């Protein structure tokens, strides 16, 4: 169970930057400080871009060989 808990983000912080027609969404796990970024169209719904970023963050946190000590 502890392994599964490590792959689930706790508090997630977002940074959204718009550059022209592109939105960059950075999702940061509050507990570990691990961050991931996704790009999408600027006209996309914010909740969908955040959902995509959280999915990528979960996948990143599930990699046990790539977590900070």
N, C-alpha and C. Protein backbone atom coordinates (compact mmCIF):
# COMPACT_ATOMS: atom_id res chain seq x y z
N UNK A 1 0.82 -1.19 0.00
CA UNK A 1 0.00 0.00 0.00
C UNK A 1 0.87 1.25 0.00
N UNK A 2 1.98 1.21 0.67
CA UNK A 2 2.86 2.38 0.71
C UNK A 2 3.39 2.73 -0.67
N UNK A 3 3.64 1.69 -1.49
CA UNK A 3 4.12 1.95 -2.85
C UNK A 3 3.06 2.68 -3.67
N UNK A 4 1.80 2.29 -3.51
CA UNK A 4 0.72 2.94 -4.24
C UNK A 4 0.54 4.37 -3.77
N UNK A 5 0.68 4.61 -2.47
CA UNK A 5 0.53 5.97 -1.94
C UNK A 5 1.61 6.89 -2.49
N UNK A 6 2.80 6.36 -2.76
CA UNK A 6 3.88 7.18 -3.29
C UNK A 6 3.60 7.61 -4.72
N UNK A 7 2.74 6.88 -5.42
CA UNK A 7 2.45 7.24 -6.80
C UNK A 7 1.27 8.21 -6.92
N UNK A 8 0.64 8.52 -5.82
CA UNK A 8 -0.47 9.47 -5.84
C UNK A 8 -0.02 10.82 -5.29
N UNK A 9 -0.20 11.87 -6.08
CA UNK A 9 0.20 13.19 -5.58
C UNK A 9 -0.72 13.63 -4.45
N UNK A 10 -0.16 14.39 -3.52
CA UNK A 10 -0.96 14.98 -2.45
C UNK A 10 -1.44 16.34 -2.94
N UNK A 11 -0.91 17.39 -2.34
CA UNK A 11 -1.20 18.74 -2.82
C UNK A 11 -0.49 18.94 -4.15
N UNK A 12 -1.22 19.42 -5.13
CA UNK A 12 -0.63 19.68 -6.45
C UNK A 12 -0.75 21.16 -6.73
N UNK A 13 0.37 21.76 -7.10
CA UNK A 13 0.40 23.17 -7.45
C UNK A 13 0.56 23.29 -8.96
N UNK A 14 -0.12 24.25 -9.55
CA UNK A 14 -0.09 24.43 -10.99
C UNK A 14 0.47 25.79 -11.35
N UNK A 15 1.19 25.81 -12.47
CA UNK A 15 1.63 27.06 -13.07
C UNK A 15 1.23 26.98 -14.54
N UNK A 16 0.45 27.94 -15.00
CA UNK A 16 -0.01 27.96 -16.38
C UNK A 16 0.56 29.19 -17.07
N UNK A 17 1.24 28.95 -18.18
CA UNK A 17 1.84 30.03 -18.96
C UNK A 17 1.29 29.96 -20.38
N UNK A 18 0.78 31.07 -20.86
CA UNK A 18 0.29 31.15 -22.23
C UNK A 18 1.32 31.83 -23.10
N UNK A 19 1.65 31.18 -24.21
CA UNK A 19 2.58 31.75 -25.18
C UNK A 19 1.94 31.58 -26.55
N UNK A 20 1.39 32.67 -27.05
CA UNK A 20 0.69 32.59 -28.33
C UNK A 20 -0.49 31.64 -28.24
N UNK A 21 -0.50 30.64 -29.11
CA UNK A 21 -1.61 29.69 -29.16
C UNK A 21 -1.36 28.46 -28.31
N UNK A 22 -0.31 28.47 -27.49
CA UNK A 22 0.07 27.31 -26.69
C UNK A 22 -0.01 27.63 -25.20
N UNK A 23 -0.49 26.66 -24.45
CA UNK A 23 -0.51 26.76 -22.99
C UNK A 23 0.46 25.73 -22.42
N UNK A 24 1.32 26.15 -21.51
CA UNK A 24 2.22 25.24 -20.80
C UNK A 24 1.71 25.13 -19.38
N UNK A 25 1.43 23.91 -18.95
CA UNK A 25 0.94 23.67 -17.60
C UNK A 25 1.99 22.85 -16.86
N UNK A 26 2.46 23.39 -15.74
CA UNK A 26 3.40 22.69 -14.88
C UNK A 26 2.63 22.25 -13.65
N UNK A 27 2.74 20.96 -13.31
CA UNK A 27 2.12 20.41 -12.11
C UNK A 27 3.24 20.00 -11.16
N UNK A 28 3.17 20.46 -9.91
CA UNK A 28 4.21 20.19 -8.92
C UNK A 28 3.58 19.47 -7.74
N UNK A 29 4.18 18.32 -7.37
CA UNK A 29 3.74 17.59 -6.19
C UNK A 29 4.27 18.31 -4.96
N UNK A 30 3.37 18.73 -4.08
CA UNK A 30 3.77 19.50 -2.91
C UNK A 30 4.65 18.74 -1.93
N UNK A 31 4.49 17.43 -1.84
CA UNK A 31 5.26 16.64 -0.87
C UNK A 31 6.69 16.40 -1.33
N UNK A 32 6.86 16.08 -2.61
CA UNK A 32 8.19 15.71 -3.09
C UNK A 32 8.89 16.80 -3.89
N UNK A 33 8.12 17.75 -4.39
CA UNK A 33 8.70 18.79 -5.23
C UNK A 33 8.92 18.37 -6.67
N UNK A 34 8.50 17.14 -7.01
CA UNK A 34 8.64 16.67 -8.38
C UNK A 34 7.66 17.43 -9.25
N UNK A 35 8.14 17.83 -10.42
CA UNK A 35 7.27 18.57 -11.33
C UNK A 35 7.33 17.99 -12.73
N UNK A 36 6.22 18.15 -13.44
CA UNK A 36 6.11 17.75 -14.83
C UNK A 36 5.45 18.89 -15.59
N UNK A 37 5.64 18.88 -16.90
CA UNK A 37 5.03 19.91 -17.73
C UNK A 37 4.35 19.28 -18.93
N UNK A 38 3.25 19.87 -19.34
CA UNK A 38 2.55 19.47 -20.56
C UNK A 38 2.25 20.71 -21.37
N UNK A 39 2.12 20.52 -22.66
CA UNK A 39 1.75 21.60 -23.57
C UNK A 39 0.43 21.25 -24.22
N UNK A 40 -0.37 22.28 -24.47
CA UNK A 40 -1.65 22.08 -25.14
C UNK A 40 -2.08 23.37 -25.78
N UNK A 41 -3.19 23.32 -26.51
CA UNK A 41 -3.70 24.54 -27.13
C UNK A 41 -4.21 25.52 -26.07
N UNK A 42 -3.94 26.79 -26.29
CA UNK A 42 -4.35 27.82 -25.32
C UNK A 42 -5.87 27.90 -25.18
N UNK A 43 -6.61 27.49 -26.20
CA UNK A 43 -8.06 27.56 -26.13
C UNK A 43 -8.69 26.35 -25.44
N UNK A 44 -7.88 25.37 -25.05
CA UNK A 44 -8.40 24.18 -24.36
C UNK A 44 -8.91 24.57 -22.98
N UNK A 45 -9.82 23.77 -22.47
CA UNK A 45 -10.36 24.01 -21.13
C UNK A 45 -9.25 23.82 -20.10
N UNK A 46 -9.17 24.74 -19.15
CA UNK A 46 -8.13 24.68 -18.11
C UNK A 46 -8.20 23.37 -17.34
N UNK A 47 -9.40 22.91 -17.02
CA UNK A 47 -9.53 21.67 -16.25
C UNK A 47 -8.98 20.48 -17.01
N UNK A 48 -9.10 20.47 -18.34
CA UNK A 48 -8.56 19.36 -19.14
C UNK A 48 -7.04 19.40 -19.18
N UNK A 49 -6.47 20.58 -19.28
CA UNK A 49 -5.02 20.70 -19.26
C UNK A 49 -4.47 20.28 -17.90
N UNK A 50 -5.15 20.67 -16.83
CA UNK A 50 -4.73 20.27 -15.49
C UNK A 50 -4.87 18.76 -15.31
N UNK A 51 -5.95 18.18 -15.83
CA UNK A 51 -6.16 16.74 -15.74
C UNK A 51 -5.03 15.99 -16.43
N UNK A 52 -4.63 16.46 -17.59
CA UNK A 52 -3.53 15.86 -18.33
C UNK A 52 -2.22 15.97 -17.54
N UNK A 53 -1.98 17.13 -16.94
CA UNK A 53 -0.76 17.34 -16.16
C UNK A 53 -0.74 16.43 -14.93
N UNK A 54 -1.87 16.26 -14.26
CA UNK A 54 -1.93 15.40 -13.08
C UNK A 54 -1.72 13.94 -13.48
N UNK A 55 -2.25 13.53 -14.62
CA UNK A 55 -2.04 12.17 -15.10
C UNK A 55 -0.55 11.92 -15.36
N UNK A 56 0.12 12.90 -15.94
CA UNK A 56 1.55 12.77 -16.19
C UNK A 56 2.32 12.76 -14.86
N UNK A 57 1.89 13.57 -13.90
CA UNK A 57 2.54 13.59 -12.59
C UNK A 57 2.38 12.24 -11.89
N UNK A 58 1.19 11.65 -11.96
CA UNK A 58 0.98 10.32 -11.36
C UNK A 58 1.91 9.29 -11.98
N UNK A 59 2.03 9.33 -13.30
CA UNK A 59 2.92 8.39 -13.98
C UNK A 59 4.37 8.61 -13.54
N UNK A 60 4.76 9.85 -13.39
CA UNK A 60 6.13 10.17 -12.96
C UNK A 60 6.39 9.70 -11.54
N UNK A 61 5.41 9.87 -10.65
CA UNK A 61 5.55 9.45 -9.26
C UNK A 61 5.55 7.93 -9.13
N UNK A 62 4.97 7.23 -10.08
CA UNK A 62 4.91 5.77 -10.04
C UNK A 62 6.23 5.13 -10.42
N UNK A 63 7.19 5.90 -10.91
CA UNK A 63 8.49 5.36 -11.29
C UNK A 63 9.40 5.32 -10.06
N UNK A 64 9.52 4.17 -9.41
CA UNK A 64 10.29 4.09 -8.16
C UNK A 64 11.77 4.35 -8.35
N UNK A 65 12.31 4.08 -9.51
CA UNK A 65 13.75 4.27 -9.75
C UNK A 65 14.10 5.73 -9.98
N UNK A 66 13.11 6.59 -10.09
CA UNK A 66 13.35 7.97 -10.47
C UNK A 66 12.85 8.96 -9.42
N UNK A 67 12.64 8.48 -8.18
CA UNK A 67 12.18 9.37 -7.11
C UNK A 67 13.36 9.84 -6.30
N UNK A 68 13.30 11.07 -5.80
CA UNK A 68 14.37 11.55 -4.93
C UNK A 68 14.40 10.77 -3.62
N UNK A 69 15.54 10.65 -3.03
CA UNK A 69 15.68 9.89 -1.77
C UNK A 69 15.11 10.62 -0.59
